[in-house]
Amino acid sequence: MTDPVIRDIDVVSRSGALGAAETVTQTANGNTLAVVSSAGFSDTSLTTNLTSAGANSTVILSGTFNTTATTTLQSGQTLVGSGSLRVMSPSGRTANVALPTGAISGTIGGGGGAITMAANSTLSGVTVSNSRTAGNAGSLAVVVSNTSGVTIENSTLSSSESSANSAVGVSVTGTSSNLVVRNNTISTTGSAGQVARALNLNTGALANTYTVAGNTFSATGATTNSAIFFNVGTANTAASTGNVISAGSCTIGGGTTSGQIGFTNGTTCP
């Protein structure tokens, strides 16, 4: 299921004879490159494919993956589903490659998200949804738990839960630190009597740096709808600007909370 990217080298803008097509196996910064296609995909989890690609690799998703199991990234790994990527051929030539559309659609409960991030990992340009109608511990799209250096950007993330449990778009908990959530659309739909949180930033008294910028948040359907649930310690959030809440509110959790997330209308959370 994990194949190299094939590009004809004549996509490179360079004068002179460019030679035969080459198999591209790495990004321009030297990371191992792999493509996982949904064509014929029968495994219930992408984790096996990401493990094969290895730590500090870049994995391109092609197609929509319907899964009942959590997809877990490797340390330093980048999972990308759309946009463009600069790659390098074995001869050293580089090119910007337009990427296919990659999406993960999950039906995962038990407290597991559709995606679990690893240390220094990146999720970029991926559509991720998780939808539950029964089960325990609710529905989560992306989980960041006791993990540092995570970047989540340019993605569309959603969760929904119609049974008596919570629904969370991005859940950040434990000792998670140095987080970037940037230019995403994050939405969650909960159920009556329950909690819906688009961004659950819940790391207690931890001193940290969080960048939450340029996102659109929405939380609906539950009794308590939190576009952002904010419970952090001493936080550096200076770059957290340009966000929009289309539905839901800012909810302040218990414990010591400092730092602010800014919005385009001039308000902040908290």
Protein backbone atom coordinates (compact mmCIF):
# COMPACT_ATOMS: atom_id res chain seq x y z
CA MET A 1 0.00 0.00 0.00
CA THR A 2 2.98 2.31 0.41
CA ASP A 3 4.39 3.38 -2.96
CA PRO A 4 6.94 6.00 -4.06
CA VAL A 5 5.89 9.17 -5.85
CA ILE A 6 6.57 9.03 -9.60
CA ARG A 7 7.07 12.30 -11.44
CA ASP A 8 8.51 13.01 -14.87
CA ILE A 9 11.53 15.20 -14.24
CA ASP A 10 10.44 17.63 -16.99
CA VAL A 11 8.21 19.33 -14.40
CA VAL A 12 11.40 21.00 -13.18
CA SER A 13 12.01 24.45 -14.62
CA ARG A 14 15.59 24.12 -15.80
CA SER A 15 17.24 24.65 -19.20
CA GLY A 16 18.95 21.87 -21.14
CA ALA A 17 18.32 18.16 -21.44
CA LEU A 18 16.60 16.85 -18.37
CA GLY A 19 16.92 13.13 -18.99
CA ALA A 20 14.59 10.26 -18.22
CA ALA A 21 11.88 10.14 -15.60
CA GLU A 22 13.06 9.41 -12.09
CA THR A 23 11.44 7.89 -9.03
CA VAL A 24 11.13 10.50 -6.30
CA THR A 25 11.71 9.00 -2.86
CA GLN A 26 12.27 12.03 -0.66
CA THR A 27 11.15 15.56 0.03
CA ALA A 28 13.35 18.54 -0.75
CA ASN A 29 14.51 18.63 2.89
CA GLY A 30 15.62 15.01 2.73
CA ASN A 31 12.75 13.23 4.48
CA THR A 32 11.70 9.81 3.20
CA LEU A 33 8.58 10.12 1.03
CA ALA A 34 5.75 7.60 0.63
CA VAL A 35 2.26 7.55 -0.86
CA VAL A 36 -0.63 5.54 0.57
CA SER A 37 -3.58 5.05 -1.76
CA SER A 38 -7.12 4.15 -0.75
CA ALA A 39 -7.54 2.09 -3.93
CA GLY A 40 -8.13 -1.47 -2.79
CA PHE A 41 -7.51 -0.50 0.81
CA SER A 42 -8.98 -3.14 3.13
CA ASP A 43 -7.03 -2.69 6.35
CA THR A 44 -8.97 -1.19 9.25
CA SER A 45 -6.03 1.04 10.18
CA LEU A 46 -3.47 3.21 8.44
CA THR A 47 -1.05 2.79 11.31
CA THR A 48 0.71 -0.18 9.69
CA ASN A 49 1.46 1.92 6.62
CA LEU A 50 2.72 4.86 8.68
CA THR A 51 4.90 2.55 10.76
CA SER A 52 6.43 1.16 7.57
CA ALA A 53 7.19 4.68 6.34
CA GLY A 54 9.04 5.32 9.61
CA ALA A 55 9.83 8.23 11.88
CA ASN A 56 10.59 11.65 10.32
CA SER A 57 9.00 10.59 7.02
CA THR A 58 6.39 12.37 4.90
CA VAL A 59 3.35 10.30 3.94
CA ILE A 60 0.90 11.48 1.26
CA LEU A 61 -2.69 10.25 1.50
CA SER A 62 -4.49 9.66 -1.78
CA GLY A 63 -8.23 9.03 -1.58
CA THR A 64 -10.67 8.55 1.30
CA PHE A 65 -9.91 5.97 3.98
CA ASN A 66 -12.89 4.59 5.89
CA THR A 67 -11.61 3.16 9.14
CA THR A 68 -12.79 1.77 12.45
CA ALA A 69 -9.38 2.03 14.11
CA THR A 70 -7.24 4.95 15.26
CA THR A 71 -4.46 6.04 12.92
CA THR A 72 -1.30 6.76 14.92
CA LEU A 73 1.51 8.88 13.51
CA GLN A 74 5.18 8.16 14.10
CA SER A 75 7.62 10.54 15.80
CA GLY A 76 8.51 13.45 13.53
CA GLN A 77 6.20 12.19 10.78
CA THR A 78 4.19 14.42 8.45
CA LEU A 79 0.82 13.22 7.14
CA VAL A 80 -0.34 15.34 4.23
CA GLY A 81 -3.49 15.17 2.12
CA SER A 82 -3.66 18.22 -0.14
CA GLY A 83 -1.77 21.29 -1.28
CA SER A 84 1.70 21.10 -2.77
CA LEU A 85 4.96 19.51 -1.71
CA ARG A 86 8.51 20.20 -2.78
CA VAL A 87 10.28 16.95 -3.65
CA MET A 88 13.77 15.97 -4.82
CA SER A 89 14.86 13.34 -7.34
CA PRO A 90 17.89 11.07 -6.81
CA SER A 91 19.87 13.33 -9.16
CA GLY A 92 19.15 16.32 -6.92
CA ARG A 93 16.57 18.14 -9.03
CA THR A 94 13.56 19.55 -7.19
CA ALA A 95 9.95 20.17 -8.15
CA ASN A 96 6.73 21.33 -6.53
CA VAL A 97 4.17 18.52 -6.78
CA ALA A 98 0.42 19.12 -6.61
CA LEU A 99 -0.98 16.60 -4.16
CA PRO A 100 -4.15 14.50 -4.39
CA THR A 101 -6.98 14.87 -1.90
CA GLY A 102 -6.58 12.75 1.23
CA ALA A 103 -9.29 12.10 3.81
CA ILE A 104 -9.86 9.84 6.81
CA SER A 105 -13.41 8.97 7.83
CA GLY A 106 -13.69 7.13 11.13
CA THR A 107 -16.31 5.50 13.32
CA ILE A 108 -14.14 5.25 16.42
CA GLY A 109 -15.19 5.43 20.06
CA GLY A 110 -13.70 4.35 23.35
CA GLY A 111 -11.80 7.62 23.75
CA GLY A 112 -9.66 7.02 20.66
CA GLY A 113 -9.54 9.63 17.95
CA ALA A 114 -9.50 9.12 14.20
CA ILE A 115 -5.88 10.34 14.40
CA THR A 116 -3.43 10.32 17.30
CA MET A 117 -0.45 12.64 16.94
CA ALA A 118 3.12 11.77 17.94
CA ALA A 119 6.00 13.92 19.17
CA ASN A 120 7.02 16.55 16.59
CA SER A 121 4.50 15.23 14.07
CA THR A 122 2.49 17.26 11.56
CA LEU A 123 -0.98 16.90 10.07
CA SER A 124 -1.40 19.07 6.99
CA GLY A 125 -4.15 19.43 4.41
CA VAL A 126 -6.11 16.35 5.53
CA THR A 127 -9.88 16.07 5.93
CA VAL A 128 -10.58 14.08 9.11
CA SER A 129 -14.00 13.12 10.41
CA ASN A 130 -15.12 10.83 13.21
CA SER A 131 -18.77 9.97 13.74
CA ARG A 132 -20.30 7.83 16.49
CA THR A 133 -23.90 6.85 17.16
CA ALA A 134 -23.17 4.49 20.06
CA GLY A 135 -20.31 3.33 22.24
CA ASN A 136 -18.36 4.80 25.12
CA ALA A 137 -16.10 7.77 25.80
CA GLY A 138 -17.36 9.84 22.88
CA SER A 139 -16.10 10.86 19.47
CA LEU A 140 -12.77 12.63 18.80
CA ALA A 141 -11.25 13.63 15.47
CA VAL A 142 -7.60 14.37 16.47
CA VAL A 143 -5.93 13.51 19.78
CA VAL A 144 -2.80 15.16 21.20
CA SER A 145 -2.04 13.49 24.54
CA ASN A 146 1.17 14.02 26.54
CA THR A 147 2.89 14.97 23.29
CA SER A 148 5.18 17.89 22.36
CA GLY A 149 5.93 19.72 19.12
CA VAL A 150 2.70 18.92 17.24
CA THR A 151 1.53 20.97 14.25
CA ILE A 152 -2.02 20.71 12.86
CA GLU A 153 -2.59 22.96 9.86
CA ASN A 154 -4.67 23.61 6.73
CA SER A 155 -7.04 20.75 7.56
CA THR A 156 -10.78 20.23 7.91
CA LEU A 157 -11.53 18.35 11.13
CA SER A 158 -14.91 17.26 12.48
CA SER A 159 -16.50 14.97 15.02
CA SER A 160 -20.08 14.06 15.81
CA GLU A 161 -21.74 12.02 18.55
CA SER A 162 -25.44 11.23 18.72
CA SER A 163 -25.34 8.98 21.80
CA ALA A 164 -24.89 10.08 25.40
CA ASN A 165 -21.22 11.03 25.13
CA SER A 166 -19.02 14.02 24.33
CA ALA A 167 -17.77 15.12 20.91
CA VAL A 168 -14.37 16.82 20.41
CA GLY A 169 -12.66 18.08 17.26
CA VAL A 170 -9.09 18.46 18.53
CA SER A 171 -8.31 17.21 22.04
CA VAL A 172 -5.10 18.47 23.68
CA THR A 173 -4.52 17.00 27.14
CA GLY A 174 -1.95 15.92 29.72
CA THR A 175 1.56 17.31 29.40
CA SER A 176 1.18 18.24 25.72
CA SER A 177 3.32 21.28 24.89
CA ASN A 178 4.54 23.55 22.09
CA LEU A 179 1.43 23.13 19.97
CA VAL A 180 0.56 24.83 16.65
CA VAL A 181 -3.05 24.74 15.41
CA ARG A 182 -3.20 26.93 12.32
CA ASN A 183 -5.56 27.66 9.40
CA ASN A 184 -7.97 24.80 10.09
CA THR A 185 -11.73 24.44 10.05
CA ILE A 186 -12.67 22.53 13.21
CA SER A 187 -16.27 21.58 13.98
CA THR A 188 -18.08 19.27 16.33
CA THR A 189 -21.70 18.24 16.80
CA GLY A 190 -22.78 16.83 20.13
CA SER A 191 -25.97 15.50 21.69
CA ALA A 192 -28.42 16.75 24.31
CA GLY A 193 -27.13 16.63 27.86
CA GLN A 194 -23.55 16.29 26.68
CA VAL A 195 -20.51 18.42 25.80
CA ALA A 196 -19.23 19.48 22.37
CA ARG A 197 -15.77 21.04 22.07
CA ALA A 198 -14.16 22.06 18.79
CA LEU A 199 -10.76 22.69 20.45
CA ASN A 200 -10.22 21.13 23.86
CA LEU A 201 -7.08 22.86 25.16
CA ASN A 202 -6.95 21.20 28.56
CA THR A 203 -3.42 20.91 30.00
CA GLY A 204 -4.00 22.28 33.49
CA ALA A 205 -1.16 24.16 35.19
CA LEU A 206 1.47 23.39 32.56
CA ALA A 207 3.62 26.34 31.45
CA ASN A 208 3.64 26.29 27.68
CA THR A 209 3.58 27.90 24.24
CA TYR A 210 0.46 27.48 22.11
CA THR A 211 -0.13 28.99 18.69
CA VAL A 212 -3.79 28.90 17.68
CA ALA A 213 -4.15 31.10 14.60
CA GLY A 214 -6.38 31.55 11.57
CA ASN A 215 -8.83 28.80 12.49
CA THR A 216 -12.62 28.63 12.23
CA PHE A 217 -14.32 26.87 15.16
CA SER A 218 -17.85 25.54 15.50
CA ALA A 219 -19.53 23.57 18.30
CA THR A 220 -23.25 22.73 18.15
CA GLY A 221 -25.88 20.21 19.21
CA ALA A 222 -24.86 19.60 22.82
CA THR A 223 -26.02 21.17 26.06
CA THR A 224 -22.59 22.83 26.46
CA ASN A 225 -21.07 23.89 23.15
CA SER A 226 -17.49 25.12 23.47
CA ALA A 227 -15.80 26.40 20.34
CA ILE A 228 -12.72 26.52 22.60
CA PHE A 229 -12.36 24.95 26.03
CA PHE A 230 -9.42 26.81 27.59
CA ASN A 231 -7.72 25.37 30.67
CA VAL A 232 -3.97 25.96 30.62
CA GLY A 233 -1.32 27.20 32.99
CA THR A 234 1.08 30.04 32.18
CA ALA A 235 0.77 30.10 28.40
CA ASN A 236 2.60 32.07 25.73
CA THR A 237 -0.11 32.64 23.12
CA ALA A 238 1.28 35.80 21.50
CA ALA A 239 0.88 34.42 17.95
CA SER A 240 -2.69 33.19 18.55
CA THR A 241 -4.65 35.61 16.38
CA GLY A 242 -7.05 35.72 13.45
CA ASN A 243 -9.49 33.04 14.58
CA VAL A 244 -13.26 32.89 14.01
CA ILE A 245 -16.02 31.28 16.07
CA SER A 246 -19.00 30.46 13.86
CA ALA A 247 -20.89 28.59 16.59
CA GLY A 248 -20.31 27.93 20.28
CA SER A 249 -18.47 29.91 22.91
CA CYS A 250 -15.23 30.20 24.83
CA THR A 251 -15.37 28.11 27.99
CA ILE A 252 -12.84 28.62 30.76
CA GLY A 253 -11.86 25.48 32.66
CA GLY A 254 -10.70 25.18 36.24
CA GLY A 255 -7.23 25.90 37.53
CA THR A 256 -4.84 28.72 36.70
CA THR A 257 -5.38 30.16 33.24
CA SER A 258 -3.32 32.82 31.47
CA GLY A 259 -2.73 33.75 27.87
CA GLN A 260 -5.33 34.59 25.22
CA ILE A 261 -6.52 33.38 21.83
CA GLY A 262 -7.56 36.27 19.58
CA PHE A 263 -10.36 36.55 17.04
CA THR A 264 -10.93 38.65 13.94
CA ASN A 265 -13.76 40.57 15.65
CA GLY A 266 -11.40 41.86 18.34
CA THR A 267 -12.50 39.51 21.14
CA THR A 268 -10.31 36.98 22.93
CA CYS A 269 -10.61 33.67 24.74
CA PRO A 270 -10.49 34.18 27.65
